[in-house]
Amino acid sequence: MNINVFENGRELGVAAGTAAAALIRQAISENGTANIILATGTSQFETLNHLLTEKDIDWSKVVMFHLDEYIGLPATHPASFRKYLQERFLEKAPPLKAAYLINYFFLIIFLGVSHGLAHPTRTESSLDPKLKQLSHIPFVIKTIC
């Protein structure tokens, strides 16, 4: 794992977006397609913005998954990760080969000692079979500001 420290979120986003673009191009070159998993949150704003400005990515060969979602949260809710990716990535990107916006995947619940849960809980997802069919996901785009 490489750990890089930057002066601000903009510099981090440019570096992460540039690196992600290079990995996407490499995956397409080697496999004919690129499967990516996108994270959400304010720390991803600059990364996704920069990734979308990168040239020479054949987006028609990119399959996008997103990392997680809240259980029971409608896609119209302001905190929805589906809404986030729809507005901040999918509406701005050229058409992709496929995009899988899930209702939920892995949900980590920390309820504390008073509720008797001391470990994370894994939820089942309808996306599981799709993920098992994939032969290669080269990376997850996740930055922390």
Protein backbone atom coordinates (compact mmCIF):
# COMPACT_ATOMS: atom_id res chain seq x y z
CA MET A 1 0.00 0.00 0.00
CA ASN A 2 1.25 3.45 -0.91
CA ILE A 3 0.47 6.29 1.46
CA ASN A 4 0.80 9.81 0.09
CA VAL A 5 0.26 13.03 2.01
CA PHE A 6 -0.83 16.21 0.23
CA GLU A 7 -1.19 19.84 1.27
CA ASN A 8 -4.92 19.94 0.52
CA GLY A 9 -7.88 18.04 -0.89
CA ARG A 10 -7.45 19.50 -4.37
CA GLU A 11 -3.89 18.19 -4.69
CA LEU A 12 -5.00 14.83 -3.33
CA GLY A 13 -7.90 14.66 -5.79
CA VAL A 14 -5.72 15.48 -8.78
CA ALA A 15 -3.13 12.85 -7.80
CA ALA A 16 -5.75 10.19 -7.05
CA GLY A 17 -7.77 10.96 -10.18
CA THR A 18 -4.64 10.82 -12.34
CA ALA A 19 -3.57 7.50 -10.80
CA ALA A 20 -7.07 6.05 -11.15
CA ALA A 21 -7.24 7.09 -14.80
CA ALA A 22 -3.91 5.37 -15.50
CA LEU A 23 -5.15 2.16 -13.83
CA ILE A 24 -8.42 2.27 -15.77
CA ARG A 25 -6.54 2.68 -19.06
CA GLN A 26 -4.20 -0.17 -18.11
CA ALA A 27 -7.10 -2.48 -17.19
CA ILE A 28 -8.83 -1.74 -20.51
CA SER A 29 -5.58 -2.36 -22.39
CA GLU A 30 -4.93 -5.66 -20.64
CA ASN A 31 -8.49 -7.00 -20.20
CA GLY A 32 -10.66 -5.14 -22.70
CA THR A 33 -12.69 -3.72 -19.80
CA ALA A 34 -12.17 -2.03 -16.46
CA ASN A 35 -14.23 -2.85 -13.39
CA ILE A 36 -14.09 -0.07 -10.81
CA ILE A 37 -15.61 0.46 -7.39
CA LEU A 38 -16.26 4.07 -6.40
CA ALA A 39 -16.51 5.33 -2.84
CA THR A 40 -18.51 8.38 -1.80
CA GLY A 41 -18.28 11.26 0.62
CA THR A 42 -16.81 14.73 0.58
CA SER A 43 -13.29 13.29 0.42
CA GLN A 44 -14.09 11.97 -3.07
CA PHE A 45 -15.28 15.26 -4.63
CA GLU A 46 -11.93 16.34 -6.07
CA THR A 47 -10.92 12.82 -7.09
CA LEU A 48 -14.08 12.21 -9.12
CA ASN A 49 -13.96 15.73 -10.58
CA HIS A 50 -10.41 15.18 -11.80
CA LEU A 51 -11.05 11.64 -13.02
CA LEU A 52 -13.81 12.98 -15.25
CA THR A 53 -11.39 15.46 -16.87
CA GLU A 54 -8.87 12.76 -17.81
CA LYS A 55 -8.51 12.16 -21.54
CA ASP A 56 -8.28 8.89 -23.47
CA ILE A 57 -10.45 6.75 -21.19
CA ASP A 58 -12.84 4.58 -23.17
CA TRP A 59 -15.72 4.85 -20.71
CA SER A 60 -17.78 2.44 -22.83
CA LYS A 61 -15.48 -0.30 -21.48
CA VAL A 62 -15.85 0.67 -17.80
CA VAL A 63 -18.15 -1.16 -15.39
CA MET A 64 -18.81 0.83 -12.23
CA PHE A 65 -19.89 -0.47 -8.84
CA HIS A 66 -20.23 1.58 -5.73
CA LEU A 67 -18.83 0.67 -2.37
CA ASP A 68 -21.78 0.77 0.01
CA GLU A 69 -25.21 2.16 0.82
CA TYR A 70 -27.47 2.63 3.79
CA ILE A 71 -30.18 0.00 4.21
CA GLY A 72 -33.65 1.36 3.52
CA LEU A 73 -32.52 4.81 2.41
CA PRO A 74 -34.31 5.89 -0.79
CA ALA A 75 -32.16 6.98 -3.71
CA THR A 76 -33.80 10.41 -3.51
CA HIS A 77 -32.54 11.07 0.03
CA PRO A 78 -29.71 13.66 0.24
CA ALA A 79 -27.50 11.16 2.13
CA SER A 80 -27.95 8.39 -0.44
CA PHE A 81 -24.72 7.18 -1.99
CA ARG A 82 -26.67 6.23 -5.12
CA LYS A 83 -27.84 9.83 -5.44
CA TYR A 84 -24.29 11.05 -4.84
CA LEU A 85 -22.82 8.88 -7.63
CA GLN A 86 -25.69 9.60 -10.00
CA GLU A 87 -25.24 13.36 -9.62
CA ARG A 88 -21.46 13.59 -9.19
CA PHE A 89 -20.29 10.88 -11.58
CA LEU A 90 -22.82 9.16 -13.83
CA GLU A 91 -24.56 12.32 -15.06
CA LYS A 92 -21.16 13.84 -15.93
CA ALA A 93 -19.35 10.81 -17.36
CA PRO A 94 -19.74 9.55 -20.92
CA PRO A 95 -21.91 6.41 -21.12
CA LEU A 96 -20.38 3.45 -19.28
CA LYS A 97 -20.51 -0.23 -20.22
CA ALA A 98 -22.56 -0.72 -17.05
CA ALA A 99 -23.18 0.93 -13.69
CA TYR A 100 -24.52 -0.93 -10.67
CA LEU A 101 -26.13 1.30 -8.08
CA ILE A 102 -27.12 -0.95 -5.23
CA ASN A 103 -29.60 -0.56 -2.41
CA TYR A 104 -26.99 -1.87 -0.01
CA PHE A 105 -23.96 -4.14 0.05
CA PHE A 106 -21.91 -4.26 3.19
CA LEU A 107 -23.24 -2.38 6.17
CA ILE A 108 -21.17 -2.01 9.26
CA ILE A 109 -23.32 -1.36 12.29
CA PHE A 110 -21.76 -0.33 15.56
CA LEU A 111 -24.56 -0.23 18.08
CA GLY A 112 -22.35 -0.22 21.14
CA VAL A 113 -22.24 -2.42 24.19
CA SER A 114 -25.73 -1.47 25.36
CA HIS A 115 -27.20 -3.17 22.29
CA GLY A 116 -25.02 -6.26 22.65
CA LEU A 117 -23.28 -5.96 19.28
CA ALA A 118 -19.52 -5.92 19.45
CA HIS A 119 -18.80 -6.85 15.83
CA PRO A 120 -19.87 -5.72 12.38
CA THR A 121 -22.90 -7.27 10.73
CA ARG A 122 -22.83 -8.26 7.06
CA THR A 123 -26.01 -7.86 5.09
CA GLU A 124 -26.88 -9.92 2.03
CA SER A 125 -27.05 -8.21 -1.32
CA SER A 126 -28.56 -8.91 -4.69
CA LEU A 127 -25.25 -7.69 -6.11
CA ASP A 128 -23.29 -10.67 -4.72
CA PRO A 129 -23.79 -12.86 -7.85
CA LYS A 130 -22.67 -10.01 -10.14
CA LEU A 131 -19.49 -9.48 -8.12
CA LYS A 132 -18.70 -13.20 -8.16
CA GLN A 133 -18.83 -13.18 -11.97
CA LEU A 134 -16.11 -10.57 -12.21
CA SER A 135 -12.63 -11.78 -12.89
CA HIS A 136 -10.80 -8.59 -12.04
CA ILE A 137 -11.40 -5.44 -10.03
CA PRO A 138 -8.02 -3.69 -10.05
CA PHE A 139 -8.69 -1.12 -7.36
CA VAL A 140 -11.18 0.84 -5.29
CA ILE A 141 -11.04 4.61 -5.62
CA LYS A 142 -11.04 5.88 -2.03
CA THR A 143 -9.34 8.98 -0.67
CA ILE A 144 -9.35 10.41 2.84
CA CYS A 145 -9.10 14.15 3.44
